PDB file of N, CA and C in Angstrom:
ATOM      1  N   UNK A   1     109.728 121.185 106.987  1.00  0.00           N
ATOM      2  CA  UNK A   1     109.909 121.136 104.989  1.00  0.00           C
ATOM      3  C   UNK A   1     109.202 121.074 104.628  1.00  0.00           C
ATOM      4  N   UNK A   2     108.258 121.283 103.474  1.00  0.00           N
ATOM      5  CA  UNK A   2     107.895 120.497 102.853  1.00  0.00           C
ATOM      6  C   UNK A   2     107.624 119.867 101.754  1.00  0.00           C
ATOM      7  N   UNK A   3     107.191 118.562 101.377  1.00  0.00           N
ATOM      8  CA  UNK A   3     107.629 117.882 100.809  1.00  0.00           C
ATOM      9  C   UNK A   3     107.560 118.454  98.797  1.00  0.00           C
ATOM     10  N   UNK A   4     108.676 118.058  98.246  1.00  0.00           N
ATOM     11  CA  UNK A   4     108.955 118.503  96.783  1.00  0.00           C
ATOM     12  C   UNK A   4     107.453 118.313  95.956  1.00  0.00           C
ATOM     13  N   UNK A   5     107.127 117.223  96.199  1.00  0.00           N
ATOM     14  CA  UNK A   5     105.449 116.967  95.681  1.00  0.00           C
ATOM     15  C   UNK A   5     105.001 116.719  96.205  1.00  0.00           C
ATOM     16  N   UNK A   6     103.626 117.317  96.711  1.00  0.00           N
ATOM     17  CA  UNK A   6     102.589 117.588  97.315  1.00  0.00           C
ATOM     18  C   UNK A   6     101.955 116.385  96.780  1.00  0.00           C
ATOM     19  N   UNK A   7     101.740 115.842  95.465  1.00  0.00           N
ATOM     20  CA  UNK A   7     100.513 114.883  95.408  1.00  0.00           C
ATOM     21  C   UNK A   7     101.408 113.478  95.460  1.00  0.00           C
ATOM     22  N   UNK A   8     102.411 113.193  96.473  1.00  0.00           N
ATOM     23  CA  UNK A   8     102.630 111.637  96.966  1.00  0.00           C
ATOM     24  C   UNK A   8     101.922 111.682  98.011  1.00  0.00           C
ATOM     25  N   UNK A   9     102.250 110.115  98.250  1.00  0.00           N
ATOM     26  CA  UNK A   9     102.263 109.444  99.372  1.00  0.00           C
ATOM     27  C   UNK A   9     102.399 109.744 100.423  1.00  0.00           C
ATOM     28  N   UNK A  10     103.775 109.500 100.099  1.00  0.00           N
ATOM     29  CA  UNK A  10     105.313 109.514 100.930  1.00  0.00           C
ATOM     30  C   UNK A  10     106.419 110.030 100.636  1.00  0.00           C
ATOM     31  N   UNK A  11     106.959 111.181 101.062  1.00  0.00           N
ATOM     32  CA  UNK A  11     108.505 111.572 100.847  1.00  0.00           C
ATOM     33  C   UNK A  11     109.004 111.423 101.505  1.00  0.00           C
ATOM     34  N   UNK A  12     110.488 110.932 101.197  1.00  0.00           N
ATOM     35  CA  UNK A  12     111.477 110.825 102.020  1.00  0.00           C
ATOM     36  C   UNK A  12     112.371 111.722 101.986  1.00  0.00           C
ATOM     37  N   UNK A  13     113.072 112.576 102.970  1.00  0.00           N
ATOM     38  CA  UNK A  13     113.955 113.715 102.948  1.00  0.00           C
ATOM     39  C   UNK A  13     115.403 112.815 103.990  1.00  0.00           C
ATOM     40  N   UNK A  14     116.063 113.010 103.914  1.00  0.00           N
ATOM     41  CA  UNK A  14     117.527 112.329 104.565  1.00  0.00           C
ATOM     42  C   UNK A  14     117.734 113.536 105.803  1.00  0.00           C
ATOM     43  N   UNK A  15     117.590 113.128 106.757  1.00  0.00           N
ATOM     44  CA  UNK A  15     117.961 114.428 107.723  1.00  0.00           C
ATOM     45  C   UNK A  15     118.913 112.869 108.938  1.00  0.00           C
ATOM     46  N   UNK A  16     120.030 113.837 108.509  1.00  0.00           N
ATOM     47  CA  UNK A  16     121.236 113.084 109.664  1.00  0.00           C
ATOM     48  C   UNK A  16     121.650 111.363 109.068  1.00  0.00           C
ATOM     49  N   UNK A  17     121.226 111.088 108.470  1.00  0.00           N
ATOM     50  CA  UNK A  17     121.363 109.973 107.065  1.00  0.00           C
ATOM     51  C   UNK A  17     120.342 108.726 107.831  1.00  0.00           C
ATOM     52  N   UNK A  18     119.468 108.906 108.167  1.00  0.00           N
ATOM     53  CA  UNK A  18     118.193 108.413 108.073  1.00  0.00           C
ATOM     54  C   UNK A  18     117.075 109.267 107.467  1.00  0.00           C
ATOM     55  N   UNK A  19     115.836 107.846 106.738  1.00  0.00           N
ATOM     56  CA  UNK A  19     115.155 108.444 105.915  1.00  0.00           C
ATOM     57  C   UNK A  19     114.166 108.734 106.781  1.00  0.00           C
ATOM     58  N   UNK A  20     113.631 109.807 106.791  1.00  0.00           N
ATOM     59  CA  UNK A  20     111.904 110.764 107.396  1.00  0.00           C
ATOM     60  C   UNK A  20     111.173 110.238 106.452  1.00  0.00           C
ATOM     61  N   UNK A  21     110.265 110.388 106.744  1.00  0.00           N
ATOM     62  CA  UNK A  21     108.825 109.177 105.942  1.00  0.00           C
ATOM     63  C   UNK A  21     108.176 110.475 106.348  1.00  0.00           C
ATOM     64  N   UNK A  22     107.377 111.597 105.640  1.00  0.00           N
ATOM     65  CA  UNK A  22     106.229 112.670 105.617  1.00  0.00           C
ATOM     66  C   UNK A  22     105.077 111.667 104.839  1.00  0.00           C
ATOM     67  N   UNK A  23     103.787 111.417 105.866  1.00  0.00           N
ATOM     68  CA  UNK A  23     102.675 111.355 104.742  1.00  0.00           C
ATOM     69  C   UNK A  23     102.041 112.500 104.946  1.00  0.00           C
ATOM     70  N   UNK A  24     101.069 112.236 103.359  1.00  0.00           N
ATOM     71  CA  UNK A  24     100.130 113.032 102.831  1.00  0.00           C
ATOM     72  C   UNK A  24      99.051 113.195 104.273  1.00  0.00           C
ATOM     73  N   UNK A  25      98.661 114.576 104.132  1.00  0.00           N
ATOM     74  CA  UNK A  25      97.823 114.942 105.450  1.00  0.00           C
ATOM     75  C   UNK A  25      96.713 114.394 105.814  1.00  0.00           C
ATOM     76  N   UNK A  26      96.089 114.179 104.391  1.00  0.00           N
ATOM     77  CA  UNK A  26      94.995 113.068 104.935  1.00  0.00           C
ATOM     78  C   UNK A  26      95.081 111.702 105.150  1.00  0.00           C
ATOM     79  N   UNK A  27      96.625 111.201 104.656  1.00  0.00           N
ATOM     80  CA  UNK A  27      96.451 110.020 104.943  1.00  0.00           C
ATOM     81  C   UNK A  27      96.705 109.579 106.583  1.00  0.00           C
ATOM     82  N   UNK A  28      97.681 110.894 107.009  1.00  0.00           N
ATOM     83  CA  UNK A  28      97.583 110.805 108.004  1.00  0.00           C
ATOM     84  C   UNK A  28      96.971 110.867 109.341  1.00  0.00           C
ATOM     85  N   UNK A  29      95.824 111.210 108.612  1.00  0.00           N
ATOM     86  CA  UNK A  29      94.372 111.871 109.115  1.00  0.00           C
ATOM     87  C   UNK A  29      93.827 110.569 109.607  1.00  0.00           C
ATOM     88  N   UNK A  30      93.808 109.952 108.566  1.00  0.00           N
ATOM     89  CA  UNK A  30      93.630 108.393 108.002  1.00  0.00           C
ATOM     90  C   UNK A  30      94.043 107.421 109.252  1.00  0.00           C
ATOM     91  N   UNK A  31      94.583 107.913 109.229  1.00  0.00           N
ATOM     92  CA  UNK A  31      95.833 106.340 109.577  1.00  0.00           C
ATOM     93  C   UNK A  31      95.153 107.060 111.651  1.00  0.00           C
ATOM     94  N   UNK A  32      95.154 108.206 112.001  1.00  0.00           N
ATOM     95  CA  UNK A  32      94.813 108.551 113.813  1.00  0.00           C
ATOM     96  C   UNK A  32      93.580 108.522 114.022  1.00  0.00           C
ATOM     97  N   UNK A  33      92.319 108.025 112.817  1.00  0.00           N
ATOM     98  CA  UNK A  33      91.023 107.985 113.356  1.00  0.00           C
ATOM     99  C   UNK A  33      90.861 106.628 113.200  1.00  0.00           C
ATOM    100  N   UNK A  34      91.990 105.742 112.283  1.00  0.00           N
ATOM    101  CA  UNK A  34      91.581 104.193 112.458  1.00  0.00           C
ATOM    102  C   UNK A  34      92.311 104.038 114.078  1.00  0.00           C
ATOM    103  N   UNK A  35      93.619 104.105 114.376  1.00  0.00           N
ATOM    104  CA  UNK A  35      93.850 104.259 115.960  1.00  0.00           C
ATOM    105  C   UNK A  35      92.950 104.852 117.031  1.00  0.00           C
ATOM    106  N   UNK A  36      92.396 105.746 116.705  1.00  0.00           N
ATOM    107  CA  UNK A  36      91.357 105.744 117.606  1.00  0.00           C
ATOM    108  C   UNK A  36      90.347 105.605 117.750  1.00  0.00           C
ATOM    109  N   UNK A  37      89.160 105.070 116.769  1.00  0.00           N
ATOM    110  CA  UNK A  37      88.713 104.694 117.031  1.00  0.00           C
ATOM    111  C   UNK A  37      88.867 102.767 117.118  1.00  0.00           C
ATOM    112  N   UNK A  38      89.972 102.392 116.885  1.00  0.00           N
ATOM    113  CA  UNK A  38      90.726 100.710 116.864  1.00  0.00           C
ATOM    114  C   UNK A  38      90.582 100.474 119.077  1.00  0.00           C
ATOM    115  N   UNK A  39      90.608 101.677 119.412  1.00  0.00           N
ATOM    116  CA  UNK A  39      90.579 101.531 120.832  1.00  0.00           C
ATOM    117  C   UNK A  39      89.385 101.020 121.137  1.00  0.00           C
ATOM    118  N   UNK A  40      88.662 101.375 121.084  1.00  0.00           N
ATOM    119  CA  UNK A  40      86.892 100.801 121.343  1.00  0.00           C
ATOM    120  C   UNK A  40      86.981  99.280 120.780  1.00  0.00           C
ATOM    121  N   UNK A  41      87.472  98.394 119.567  1.00  0.00           N
ATOM    122  CA  UNK A  41      87.104  97.492 119.079  1.00  0.00           C
ATOM    123  C   UNK A  41      87.403  96.318 120.128  1.00  0.00           C
ATOM    124  N   UNK A  42      86.420  94.958 119.619  1.00  0.00           N
ATOM    125  CA  UNK A  42      86.875  94.353 120.704  1.00  0.00           C
ATOM    126  C   UNK A  42      87.751  93.393 120.873  1.00  0.00           C
ATOM    127  N   UNK A  43      88.258  93.192 119.561  1.00  0.00           N
ATOM    128  CA  UNK A  43      90.187  92.847 119.976  1.00  0.00           C
ATOM    129  C   UNK A  43      91.013  93.634 120.283  1.00  0.00           C
ATOM    130  N   UNK A  44      92.005  93.288 120.990  1.00  0.00           N
ATOM    131  CA  UNK A  44      93.178  94.490 121.910  1.00  0.00           C
ATOM    132  C   UNK A  44      93.754  95.261 120.313  1.00  0.00           C
ATOM    133  N   UNK A  45      93.742  97.012 120.975  1.00  0.00           N
ATOM    134  CA  UNK A  45      94.004  97.734 120.084  1.00  0.00           C
ATOM    135  C   UNK A  45      95.813  96.851 119.382  1.00  0.00           C
ATOM    136  N   UNK A  46      96.417  96.064 119.454  1.00  0.00           N
ATOM    137  CA  UNK A  46      97.499  96.053 118.563  1.00  0.00           C
ATOM    138  C   UNK A  46      96.981  95.307 117.534  1.00  0.00           C
ATOM    139  N   UNK A  47      95.685  94.684 117.304  1.00  0.00           N
ATOM    140  CA  UNK A  47      95.642  94.026 116.345  1.00  0.00           C
ATOM    141  C   UNK A  47      95.118  94.931 115.726  1.00  0.00           C
ATOM    142  N   UNK A  48      94.317  96.282 115.970  1.00  0.00           N
ATOM    143  CA  UNK A  48      93.866  97.042 114.774  1.00  0.00           C
ATOM    144  C   UNK A  48      94.838  97.866 113.814  1.00  0.00           C
ATOM    145  N   UNK A  49      96.189  98.570 115.345  1.00  0.00           N
ATOM    146  CA  UNK A  49      97.258  99.203 115.237  1.00  0.00           C
ATOM    147  C   UNK A  49      98.484  98.262 113.871  1.00  0.00           C
ATOM    148  N   UNK A  50      98.279  96.667 114.316  1.00  0.00           N
ATOM    149  CA  UNK A  50      99.089  96.461 113.071  1.00  0.00           C
ATOM    150  C   UNK A  50      98.393  95.817 111.361  1.00  0.00           C
ATOM    151  N   UNK A  51      97.160  95.376 111.592  1.00  0.00           N
ATOM    152  CA  UNK A  51      96.141  95.443 110.538  1.00  0.00           C
ATOM    153  C   UNK A  51      96.537  96.829 109.732  1.00  0.00           C
ATOM    154  N   UNK A  52      96.376  97.761 109.964  1.00  0.00           N
ATOM    155  CA  UNK A  52      96.273  98.733 109.429  1.00  0.00           C
ATOM    156  C   UNK A  52      97.758  99.172 108.894  1.00  0.00           C
ATOM    157  N   UNK A  53      98.300  99.137 109.535  1.00  0.00           N
ATOM    158  CA  UNK A  53      99.709  99.277 109.314  1.00  0.00           C
ATOM    159  C   UNK A  53     100.216  98.686 108.024  1.00  0.00           C
ATOM    160  N   UNK A  54      99.680  97.344 108.099  1.00  0.00           N
ATOM    161  CA  UNK A  54     100.109  96.798 106.978  1.00  0.00           C
ATOM    162  C   UNK A  54      99.812  96.995 105.712  1.00  0.00           C
ATOM    163  N   UNK A  55      97.896  97.785 105.598  1.00  0.00           N
ATOM    164  CA  UNK A  55      97.043  98.202 105.058  1.00  0.00           C
ATOM    165  C   UNK A  55      97.651  99.203 103.906  1.00  0.00           C
ATOM    166  N   UNK A  56      98.433 100.032 105.214  1.00  0.00           N
ATOM    167  CA  UNK A  56      98.803 101.666 104.965  1.00  0.00           C
ATOM    168  C   UNK A  56     100.267 101.171 103.766  1.00  0.00           C
ATOM    169  N   UNK A  57     101.069 100.117 104.428  1.00  0.00           N
ATOM    170  CA  UNK A  57     102.405  99.608 104.062  1.00  0.00           C
ATOM    171  C   UNK A  57     101.902  99.200 102.008  1.00  0.00           C
ATOM    172  N   UNK A  58     101.230  98.381 102.626  1.00  0.00           N
ATOM    173  CA  UNK A  58     100.812  97.844 101.089  1.00  0.00           C
ATOM    174  C   UNK A  58     100.441  98.977 100.359  1.00  0.00           C
ATOM    175  N   UNK A  59      99.985 100.553 100.940  1.00  0.00           N
ATOM    176  CA  UNK A  59      99.301 101.145  99.345  1.00  0.00           C
ATOM    177  C   UNK A  59     100.700 102.106  99.662  1.00  0.00           C
ATOM    178  N   UNK A  60     101.519 102.158  99.888  1.00  0.00           N
ATOM    179  CA  UNK A  60     102.631 103.173  99.723  1.00  0.00           C
ATOM    180  C   UNK A  60     102.967 103.461  98.738  1.00  0.00           C
ATOM    181  N   UNK A  61     103.080 102.599  97.407  1.00  0.00           N
ATOM    182  CA  UNK A  61     103.368 102.785  96.332  1.00  0.00           C
ATOM    183  C   UNK A  61     102.458 104.259  95.340  1.00  0.00           C
ATOM    184  N   UNK A  62     100.938 104.359  95.808  1.00  0.00           N
ATOM    185  CA  UNK A  62     100.302 105.137  95.513  1.00  0.00           C
ATOM    186  C   UNK A  62     100.554 106.762  95.308  1.00  0.00           C
ATOM    187  N   UNK A  63     101.319 106.908  94.058  1.00  0.00           N
ATOM    188  CA  UNK A  63     101.381 108.542  94.000  1.00  0.00           C
ATOM    189  C   UNK A  63     100.144 109.401  93.027  1.00  0.00           C
ATOM    190  N   UNK A  64      99.497 108.956  92.415  1.00  0.00           N
ATOM    191  CA  UNK A  64      98.234 109.661  91.506  1.00  0.00           C
ATOM    192  C   UNK A  64      97.584 110.710  92.628  1.00  0.00           C
ATOM    193  N   UNK A  65      96.442 111.755  92.825  1.00  0.00           N
ATOM    194  CA  UNK A  65      96.109 111.830  92.998  1.00  0.00           C
ATOM    195  C   UNK A  65      94.699 111.433  93.543  1.00  0.00           C
ATOM    196  N   UNK A  66      93.987 111.207  91.700  1.00  0.00           N
ATOM    197  CA  UNK A  66      93.237 109.815  92.315  1.00  0.00           C
ATOM    198  C   UNK A  66      92.815 108.648  92.778  1.00  0.00           C
ATOM    199  N   UNK A  67      94.016 107.613  92.858  1.00  0.00           N
ATOM    200  CA  UNK A  67      94.262 106.673  93.503  1.00  0.00           C
ATOM    201  C   UNK A  67      93.662 107.069  94.744  1.00  0.00           C
ATOM    202  N   UNK A  68      94.865 107.859  95.216  1.00  0.00           N
ATOM    203  CA  UNK A  68      94.946 108.499  96.725  1.00  0.00           C
ATOM    204  C   UNK A  68      93.991 108.365  97.496  1.00  0.00           C
ATOM    205  N   UNK A  69      92.755 109.590  96.794  1.00  0.00           N
ATOM    206  CA  UNK A  69      91.536 110.111  97.277  1.00  0.00           C
ATOM    207  C   UNK A  69      90.601 108.512  97.050  1.00  0.00           C
ATOM    208  N   UNK A  70      90.873 107.365  96.280  1.00  0.00           N
ATOM    209  CA  UNK A  70      89.877 106.337  96.538  1.00  0.00           C
ATOM    210  C   UNK A  70      90.092 106.074  97.643  1.00  0.00           C
ATOM    211  N   UNK A  71      91.583 105.544  97.251  1.00  0.00           N
ATOM    212  CA  UNK A  71      91.740 104.964  99.021  1.00  0.00           C
ATOM    213  C   UNK A  71      91.742 105.326 100.021  1.00  0.00           C
ATOM    214  N   UNK A  72      91.454 106.559 100.123  1.00  0.00           N
ATOM    215  CA  UNK A  72      91.748 107.225 100.983  1.00  0.00           C
ATOM    216  C   UNK A  72      89.762 107.259 101.523  1.00  0.00           C
ATOM    217  N   UNK A  73      88.627 106.938 100.663  1.00  0.00           N
ATOM    218  CA  UNK A  73      87.063 106.953 100.592  1.00  0.00           C
ATOM    219  C   UNK A  73      87.222 105.592 100.914  1.00  0.00           C
ATOM    220  N   UNK A  74      87.925 104.779 100.980  1.00  0.00           N
ATOM    221  CA  UNK A  74      87.557 103.436 101.024  1.00  0.00           C
ATOM    222  C   UNK A  74      87.938 103.370 102.673  1.00  0.00           C
ATOM    223  N   UNK A  75      89.082 103.970 103.376  1.00  0.00           N
ATOM    224  CA  UNK A  75      89.847 103.515 104.456  1.00  0.00           C
ATOM    225  C   UNK A  75      88.887 104.100 105.848  1.00  0.00           C
ATOM    226  N   UNK A  76      88.072 105.220 104.691  1.00  0.00           N
ATOM    227  CA  UNK A  76      86.661 105.818 105.609  1.00  0.00           C
ATOM    228  C   UNK A  76      85.678 105.611 105.780  1.00  0.00           C
ATOM    229  N   UNK A  77      85.752 104.239 104.706  1.00  0.00           N
ATOM    230  CA  UNK A  77      84.097 103.842 104.588  1.00  0.00           C
ATOM    231  C   UNK A  77      84.605 102.281 105.674  1.00  0.00           C
ATOM    232  N   UNK A  78      85.682 102.092 105.790  1.00  0.00           N
ATOM    233  CA  UNK A  78      86.115 101.160 106.845  1.00  0.00           C
ATOM    234  C   UNK A  78      86.271 101.668 108.297  1.00  0.00           C
ATOM    235  N   UNK A  79      86.603 102.736 108.440  1.00  0.00           N
ATOM    236  CA  UNK A  79      86.581 103.268 109.672  1.00  0.00           C
ATOM    237  C   UNK A  79      85.020 103.621 110.265  1.00  0.00           C
ATOM    238  N   UNK A  80      83.907 103.538 108.942  1.00  0.00           N
ATOM    239  CA  UNK A  80      82.739 103.484 109.090  1.00  0.00           C
ATOM    240  C   UNK A  80      81.702 102.459 109.962  1.00  0.00           C
ATOM    241  N   UNK A  81      82.558 100.633 109.281  1.00  0.00           N
ATOM    242  CA  UNK A  81      82.244  99.475 109.059  1.00  0.00           C
ATOM    243  C   UNK A  81      83.005  98.868 110.625  1.00  0.00           C
ATOM    244  N   UNK A  82      84.102  99.453 110.861  1.00  0.00           N
ATOM    245  CA  UNK A  82      84.686  99.593 112.457  1.00  0.00           C
ATOM    246  C   UNK A  82      83.609  99.897 113.352  1.00  0.00           C
ATOM    247  N   UNK A  83      82.892 101.293 113.461  1.00  0.00           N
ATOM    248  CA  UNK A  83      82.458 102.413 114.364  1.00  0.00           C
ATOM    249  C   UNK A  83      80.987 101.285 114.940  1.00  0.00           C
ATOM    250  N   UNK A  84      80.292 100.066 113.020  1.00  0.00           N
ATOM    251  CA  UNK A  84      78.728  99.679 113.697  1.00  0.00           C
ATOM    252  C   UNK A  84      79.800  98.388 114.129  1.00  0.00           C
ATOM    253  N   UNK A  85      80.799  97.822 114.296  1.00  0.00           N
ATOM    254  CA  UNK A  85      81.189  96.235 114.937  1.00  0.00           C
ATOM    255  C   UNK A  85      81.103  97.106 116.543  1.00  0.00           C
ATOM    256  N   UNK A  86      81.518  97.773 116.223  1.00  0.00           N
ATOM    257  CA  UNK A  86      82.298  98.672 117.722  1.00  0.00           C
ATOM    258  C   UNK A  86      80.401  98.940 118.775  1.00  0.00           C
ATOM    259  N   UNK A  87      79.438  99.811 117.978  1.00  0.00           N
ATOM    260  CA  UNK A  87      78.065  99.889 118.651  1.00  0.00           C
ATOM    261  C   UNK A  87      77.336  98.175 119.035  1.00  0.00           C
ATOM    262  N   UNK A  88      77.521  97.757 117.687  1.00  0.00           N
ATOM    263  CA  UNK A  88      76.968  96.078 117.704  1.00  0.00           C
ATOM    264  C   UNK A  88      77.649  95.461 118.816  1.00  0.00           C
ATOM    265  N   UNK A  89      78.671  95.651 119.118  1.00  0.00           N
ATOM    266  CA  UNK A  89      79.036  94.723 120.570  1.00  0.00           C
ATOM    267  C   UNK A  89      79.039  95.379 121.997  1.00  0.00           C
ATOM    268  N   UNK A  90      78.850  96.473 122.158  1.00  0.00           N
ATOM    269  CA  UNK A  90      78.070  97.736 123.045  1.00  0.00           C
ATOM    270  C   UNK A  90      76.573  97.529 122.808  1.00  0.00           C
ATOM    271  N   UNK A  91      75.807  96.907 122.261  1.00  0.00           N
ATOM    272  CA  UNK A  91      74.123  96.886 122.073  1.00  0.00           C
ATOM    273  C   UNK A  91      74.198  95.541 122.699  1.00  0.00           C
ATOM    274  N   UNK A  92      74.867  94.431 122.365  1.00  0.00           N
ATOM    275  CA  UNK A  92      74.979  92.857 122.749  1.00  0.00           C
ATOM    276  C   UNK A  92      74.943  92.573 124.017  1.00  0.00           C
ATOM    277  N   UNK A  93      76.156  93.882 124.718  1.00  0.00           N
ATOM    278  CA  UNK A  93      77.005  93.787 126.088  1.00  0.00           C
ATOM    279  C   UNK A  93      75.811  94.043 126.951  1.00  0.00           C
ATOM    280  N   UNK A  94      74.949  95.433 126.368  1.00  0.00           N
ATOM    281  CA  UNK A  94      74.061  96.150 127.471  1.00  0.00           C
ATOM    282  C   UNK A  94      72.857  94.972 127.134  1.00  0.00           C
ATOM    283  N   UNK A  95      72.487  94.413 125.983  1.00  0.00           N
ATOM    284  CA  UNK A  95      71.234  93.829 126.466  1.00  0.00           C
ATOM    285  C   UNK A  95      71.480  92.862 127.258  1.00  0.00           C
ATOM    286  N   UNK A  96      72.429  91.572 127.154  1.00  0.00           N
ATOM    287  CA  UNK A  96      72.869  90.590 128.109  1.00  0.00           C
ATOM    288  C   UNK A  96      72.650  90.686 129.226  1.00  0.00           C
ATOM    289  N   UNK A  97      73.595  92.617 129.466  1.00  0.00           N
ATOM    290  CA  UNK A  97      73.404  92.581 131.073  1.00  0.00           C
ATOM    291  C   UNK A  97      72.738  92.863 131.679  1.00  0.00           C
ATOM    292  N   UNK A  98      71.898  93.818 130.933  1.00  0.00           N
ATOM    293  CA  UNK A  98      70.010  93.629 131.478  1.00  0.00           C
ATOM    294  C   UNK A  98      68.793  93.315 131.336  1.00  0.00           C
ATOM    295  N   UNK A  99      69.056  92.517 130.036  1.00  0.00           N
ATOM    296  CA  UNK A  99      67.456  92.299 129.596  1.00  0.00           C
ATOM    297  C   UNK A  99      67.725  90.363 130.045  1.00  0.00           C
ATOM    298  N   UNK A 100      67.985  90.268 131.692  1.00  0.00           N
ATOM    299  CA  UNK A 100      67.907  88.801 131.971  1.00  0.00           C
ATOM    300  C   UNK A 100      66.788  88.023 131.822  1.00  0.00           C
ATOM    301  N   UNK A 101      65.254  88.483 131.756  1.00  0.00           N
ATOM    302  CA  UNK A 101      64.301  87.739 131.429  1.00  0.00           C
ATOM    303  C   UNK A 101      64.300  86.957 130.250  1.00  0.00           C
ATOM    304  N   UNK A 102      64.851  87.694 129.095  1.00  0.00           N
ATOM    305  CA  UNK A 102      65.073  87.024 127.089  1.00  0.00           C
ATOM    306  C   UNK A 102      66.628  86.616 127.195  1.00  0.00           C
ATOM    307  N   UNK A 103      66.930  85.549 127.987  1.00  0.00           N
ATOM    308  CA  UNK A 103      68.193  85.324 127.673  1.00  0.00           C
ATOM    309  C   UNK A 103      68.081  84.580 126.439  1.00  0.00           C
ATOM    310  N   UNK A 104      68.058  84.772 125.076  1.00  0.00           N
ATOM    311  CA  UNK A 104      68.092  84.290 123.849  1.00  0.00           C
ATOM    312  C   UNK A 104      69.774  83.781 123.365  1.00  0.00           C
ATOM    313  N   UNK A 105      70.404  83.366 124.190  1.00  0.00           N
ATOM    314  CA  UNK A 105      71.594  82.735 123.631  1.00  0.00           C
ATOM    315  C   UNK A 105      71.608  81.531 122.949  1.00  0.00           C
ATOM    316  N   UNK A 106      72.913  81.763 121.421  1.00  0.00           N
ATOM    317  CA  UNK A 106      71.988  80.150 121.118  1.00  0.00           C
ATOM    318  C   UNK A 106      72.598  78.668 121.709  1.00  0.00           C
ATOM    319  N   UNK A 107      73.713  79.012 122.398  1.00  0.00           N
ATOM    320  CA  UNK A 107      73.846  78.045 123.182  1.00  0.00           C
ATOM    321  C   UNK A 107      73.081  77.261 124.141  1.00  0.00           C
ATOM    322  N   UNK A 108      72.856  78.159 125.070  1.00  0.00           N
ATOM    323  CA  UNK A 108      72.344  78.458 125.989  1.00  0.00           C
ATOM    324  C   UNK A 108      70.302  77.412 125.883  1.00  0.00           C
ATOM    325  N   UNK A 109      69.989  77.728 124.238  1.00  0.00           N
ATOM    326  CA  UNK A 109      68.925  77.363 123.724  1.00  0.00           C
ATOM    327  C   UNK A 109      69.123  76.103 123.425  1.00  0.00           C
ATOM    328  N   UNK A 110      70.364  76.201 122.668  1.00  0.00           N
ATOM    329  CA  UNK A 110      70.622  74.590 122.258  1.00  0.00           C
ATOM    330  C   UNK A 110      71.131  73.072 122.977  1.00  0.00           C
ATOM    331  N   UNK A 111      71.571  74.127 124.384  1.00  0.00           N
ATOM    332  CA  UNK A 111      71.257  72.781 126.025  1.00  0.00           C
ATOM    333  C   UNK A 111      70.386  72.936 126.511  1.00  0.00           C
ATOM    334  N   UNK A 112      69.255  73.848 126.138  1.00  0.00           N
ATOM    335  CA  UNK A 112      68.345  73.165 127.099  1.00  0.00           C
ATOM    336  C   UNK A 112      67.487  72.392 125.653  1.00  0.00           C
ATOM    337  N   UNK A 113      67.363  72.756 124.549  1.00  0.00           N
ATOM    338  CA  UNK A 113      66.904  71.651 124.090  1.00  0.00           C
ATOM    339  C   UNK A 113      67.289  69.696 123.951  1.00  0.00           C
ATOM    340  N   UNK A 114      68.984  69.646 123.974  1.00  0.00           N
ATOM    341  CA  UNK A 114      68.896  68.479 124.042  1.00  0.00           C
ATOM    342  C   UNK A 114      68.802  68.223 125.357  1.00  0.00           C
ATOM    343  N   UNK A 115      68.889  68.819 126.397  1.00  0.00           N
ATOM    344  CA  UNK A 115      68.462  68.105 127.889  1.00  0.00           C
ATOM    345  C   UNK A 115      67.056  67.717 127.729  1.00  0.00           C
ATOM    346  N   UNK A 116      65.989  68.451 126.787  1.00  0.00           N
ATOM    347  CA  UNK A 116      64.555  68.298 126.892  1.00  0.00           C
ATOM    348  C   UNK A 116      64.542  66.530 126.094  1.00  0.00           C
ATOM    349  N   UNK A 117      65.338  66.750 124.777  1.00  0.00           N
ATOM    350  CA  UNK A 117      65.013  66.178 123.512  1.00  0.00           C
ATOM    351  C   UNK A 117      66.095  64.454 124.086  1.00  0.00           C
ATOM    352  N   UNK A 118      67.144  64.662 125.020  1.00  0.00           N
ATOM    353  CA  UNK A 118      68.005  63.461 125.111  1.00  0.00           C
ATOM    354  C   UNK A 118      67.330  62.939 126.768  1.00  0.00           C
ATOM    355  N   UNK A 119      66.995  63.606 127.709  1.00  0.00           N
ATOM    356  CA  UNK A 119      66.939  63.933 129.588  1.00  0.00           C
ATOM    357  C   UNK A 119      68.381  63.514 129.394  1.00  0.00           C
ATOM    358  N   UNK A 120      69.210  64.509 129.130  1.00  0.00           N
ATOM    359  CA  UNK A 120      70.667  64.562 130.016  1.00  0.00           C
ATOM    360  C   UNK A 120      70.887  65.596 130.569  1.00  0.00           C
TER     361      UNK A 120
END
């Protein structure tokens, strides 16, 4: 059964004395995208899921279509940023794994310099 007002972010229906919360379809799609992209994030998936759920709850009061579109656009931008972080992590992992001759780890370089300078 559709909500009485389609432009609301959340609609609450009472079903067997339990509230059933329906999300706007674009908001639901955005949440699913966050969860899907978060699977490859360097930190464990519950980290992304908890952060996203908290952000969605924080914006649950939004009712106007203009604000909703703005927040969805910001969420899509955040997904692109997450994808960038994931790609960077994968690139660094592959480079570290296969480029043994040019190991430019900052800690290794600092240790070598300290050994040369102080004779440790």
